[in-house]
Amino acid sequence: MSKEQKVNENTNFLLAPWGEDARRAGEGLLRRGSHLVYFSLGSNLGNKRENLNKAIKLMEEQIGVLLRQSAFLETEPWGFQSDNSFVNAAICMETELDPFEVLAKTQEIERELGRTVKSSNGEYHDRIIDIDILLYDDLHINTPQLTIPHPLMEQRDFVMIPLREILHSE
């Protein structure tokens, strides 16, 4: 697979149950008492690749051990109009933090990298960095602050292509 790909927004995927795919992909990688977390990252402002690399480095410092990283994927904006394309990636990390601590850390990293406006109520904006928790072990969480698995991931090629890459890598 190339380091960078263009994606067609109309690509369709047949999806396996996430808990099983994620668990299988993480077998043998985790230490006792740690958790497997999958993230989607995106940027469409500034030096997009550098923004993703900085976010991943901060995530390694503050959240846990990087186990897998997808190639960077260039995509068109989803859910809003913009002249700025995105660069997206997926990563898998091992962490000892609980899901809400992970959320707090990702939001802190977004702010540290310069994100000032958070998308809400289906209204999206250009952003220097966006970090979404896709999966956390096989947990299902549905609170106003956090929903896992991510509720829209299956509708987004920019999430699914990189995620499938790391779910099925050796």
Protein backbone atom coordinates (compact mmCIF):
# COMPACT_ATOMS: atom_id res chain seq x y z
CA MET A 1 0.00 0.00 0.00
CA SER A 2 1.38 3.43 -0.90
CA LYS A 3 2.20 6.03 1.74
CA GLU A 4 -0.48 8.30 0.33
CA GLN A 5 -3.72 7.52 -1.47
CA LYS A 6 -6.61 9.49 -2.88
CA VAL A 7 -10.01 8.22 -1.82
CA ASN A 8 -13.35 8.18 -3.60
CA GLU A 9 -16.08 9.23 -1.14
CA ASN A 10 -18.42 6.57 -2.60
CA THR A 11 -16.35 3.50 -1.72
CA ASN A 12 -18.44 0.88 0.11
CA PHE A 13 -17.22 -1.65 2.69
CA LEU A 14 -18.70 -4.78 4.16
CA LEU A 15 -17.96 -4.47 7.85
CA ALA A 16 -17.09 -7.20 10.31
CA PRO A 17 -18.11 -6.87 13.97
CA TRP A 18 -15.66 -4.31 15.38
CA GLY A 19 -14.98 -5.92 18.70
CA GLU A 20 -13.81 -9.14 17.04
CA ASP A 21 -11.63 -7.44 14.38
CA ALA A 22 -10.05 -5.09 16.91
CA ARG A 23 -9.47 -7.85 19.47
CA ARG A 24 -7.89 -10.15 16.88
CA ALA A 25 -5.67 -7.35 15.57
CA GLY A 26 -4.39 -6.66 19.09
CA GLU A 27 -3.78 -10.24 20.20
CA GLY A 28 -0.34 -10.66 21.67
CA LEU A 29 0.39 -6.92 21.65
CA LEU A 30 -0.99 -5.83 25.03
CA ARG A 31 0.50 -5.92 28.51
CA ARG A 32 -1.69 -7.07 31.37
CA GLY A 33 -4.01 -4.28 32.58
CA SER A 34 -3.70 -2.20 29.44
CA HIS A 35 -6.28 -1.38 26.78
CA LEU A 36 -6.33 -1.31 22.98
CA VAL A 37 -7.56 1.96 21.48
CA TYR A 38 -8.05 2.88 17.81
CA PHE A 39 -8.04 6.54 16.75
CA SER A 40 -8.77 8.50 13.59
CA LEU A 41 -6.74 11.67 12.99
CA GLY A 42 -7.27 14.38 10.40
CA SER A 43 -6.02 17.83 9.45
CA ASN A 44 -6.94 20.26 6.69
CA LEU A 45 -5.06 23.41 7.73
CA GLY A 46 -1.37 24.29 7.65
CA ASN A 47 1.20 21.55 7.15
CA LYS A 48 -1.26 18.69 7.46
CA ARG A 49 1.24 15.84 7.61
CA GLU A 50 3.32 17.66 10.19
CA ASN A 51 0.14 18.31 12.24
CA LEU A 52 -0.64 14.58 12.26
CA ASN A 53 2.94 13.66 13.16
CA LYS A 54 2.95 16.18 16.03
CA ALA A 55 -0.38 14.83 17.31
CA ILE A 56 0.87 11.24 17.20
CA LYS A 57 4.05 12.20 19.06
CA LEU A 58 2.03 13.97 21.77
CA MET A 59 -0.32 11.01 21.98
CA GLU A 60 2.67 8.71 22.55
CA GLU A 61 3.87 11.03 25.33
CA GLN A 62 0.48 11.44 27.02
CA ILE A 63 -1.71 8.43 26.17
CA GLY A 64 0.37 5.32 25.57
CA VAL A 65 2.38 3.13 23.24
CA LEU A 66 1.89 3.39 19.47
CA LEU A 67 1.31 -0.13 18.12
CA ARG A 68 0.23 0.54 14.54
CA GLN A 69 -0.11 3.49 12.17
CA SER A 70 -1.75 3.64 8.75
CA ALA A 71 -0.44 5.45 5.73
CA PHE A 72 -1.57 9.07 5.35
CA LEU A 73 -4.63 9.40 3.14
CA GLU A 74 -5.61 12.56 1.25
CA THR A 75 -9.38 13.11 1.23
CA GLU A 76 -12.01 15.71 0.46
CA PRO A 77 -13.94 17.38 3.31
CA TRP A 78 -16.88 15.37 4.64
CA GLY A 79 -20.04 17.06 5.92
CA PHE A 80 -19.05 20.62 4.97
CA GLN A 81 -17.67 22.70 2.09
CA SER A 82 -14.02 23.76 2.10
CA ASP A 83 -11.28 24.45 -0.40
CA ASN A 84 -8.87 22.62 1.93
CA SER A 85 -8.41 18.86 1.48
CA PHE A 86 -7.69 16.65 4.47
CA VAL A 87 -4.89 14.30 5.34
CA ASN A 88 -6.17 11.43 7.51
CA ALA A 89 -4.68 8.45 9.30
CA ALA A 90 -5.61 5.79 11.84
CA ILE A 91 -3.49 4.60 14.73
CA CYS A 92 -3.72 1.87 17.34
CA MET A 93 -2.34 2.48 20.82
CA GLU A 94 -1.95 0.62 24.06
CA THR A 95 -2.97 2.65 27.12
CA GLU A 96 -3.55 2.29 30.82
CA LEU A 97 -5.96 5.26 30.78
CA ASP A 98 -9.71 4.82 30.96
CA PRO A 99 -11.83 6.02 27.99
CA PHE A 100 -12.70 9.37 29.57
CA GLU A 101 -9.07 10.05 30.44
CA VAL A 102 -8.17 9.25 26.82
CA LEU A 103 -10.85 11.68 25.63
CA ALA A 104 -9.53 14.42 27.92
CA LYS A 105 -5.98 13.87 26.66
CA THR A 106 -7.02 13.97 22.98
CA GLN A 107 -8.93 17.20 23.53
CA GLU A 108 -5.95 18.67 25.38
CA ILE A 109 -3.65 17.71 22.48
CA GLU A 110 -6.05 19.28 19.96
CA ARG A 111 -6.00 22.54 21.94
CA GLU A 112 -2.21 22.40 22.32
CA LEU A 113 -1.84 22.11 18.54
CA GLY A 114 -4.12 25.10 17.97
CA ARG A 115 -7.63 23.76 17.55
CA THR A 116 -10.08 26.36 18.82
CA VAL A 117 -13.48 25.26 17.46
CA LYS A 118 -14.91 21.81 18.17
CA SER A 119 -17.50 20.41 15.75
CA SER A 120 -20.92 19.97 17.30
CA ASN A 121 -24.49 19.23 16.25
CA GLY A 122 -23.35 18.01 12.84
CA GLU A 123 -21.68 21.34 12.02
CA TYR A 124 -18.09 20.88 10.85
CA HIS A 125 -15.28 23.37 10.27
CA ASP A 126 -11.73 23.47 8.91
CA ARG A 127 -9.35 22.30 11.62
CA ILE A 128 -5.67 22.05 12.26
CA ILE A 129 -6.19 18.70 13.99
CA ASP A 130 -9.04 16.35 14.77
CA ILE A 131 -8.59 13.25 16.92
CA ASP A 132 -11.47 10.81 17.32
CA ILE A 133 -11.61 7.69 19.47
CA LEU A 134 -12.99 4.95 17.24
CA LEU A 135 -12.73 1.85 19.42
CA TYR A 136 -11.62 1.13 22.98
CA ASP A 137 -11.24 -2.60 23.61
CA ASP A 138 -14.72 -3.99 22.94
CA LEU A 139 -16.48 -1.35 25.07
CA HIS A 140 -19.75 0.29 24.09
CA ILE A 141 -20.15 3.73 25.67
CA ASN A 142 -22.97 6.15 24.97
CA THR A 143 -22.82 9.37 27.00
CA PRO A 144 -23.20 13.02 25.99
CA GLN A 145 -19.39 13.38 26.21
CA LEU A 146 -18.29 10.15 24.52
CA THR A 147 -19.70 7.49 22.21
CA ILE A 148 -17.69 4.34 21.46
CA PRO A 149 -17.64 2.83 18.90
CA HIS A 150 -17.57 6.13 17.06
CA PRO A 151 -21.14 6.53 15.73
CA LEU A 152 -20.27 7.77 12.22
CA MET A 153 -17.10 5.83 11.45
CA GLU A 154 -18.77 3.35 9.11
CA GLN A 155 -20.09 6.23 6.97
CA ARG A 156 -16.66 7.77 6.48
CA ASP A 157 -14.17 6.35 3.98
CA PHE A 158 -11.49 8.63 5.43
CA VAL A 159 -11.87 6.65 8.66
CA MET A 160 -12.55 3.18 7.27
CA ILE A 161 -9.69 2.91 4.75
CA PRO A 162 -6.92 3.69 7.28
CA LEU A 163 -8.68 1.69 10.03
CA ARG A 164 -8.96 -1.41 7.85
CA GLU A 165 -5.28 -1.03 6.95
CA ILE A 166 -4.17 -1.30 10.58
CA LEU A 167 -6.82 -3.86 11.59
CA HIS A 168 -5.54 -6.25 8.95
CA SER A 169 -1.81 -5.57 9.12
CA GLU A 170 0.57 -8.09 10.65
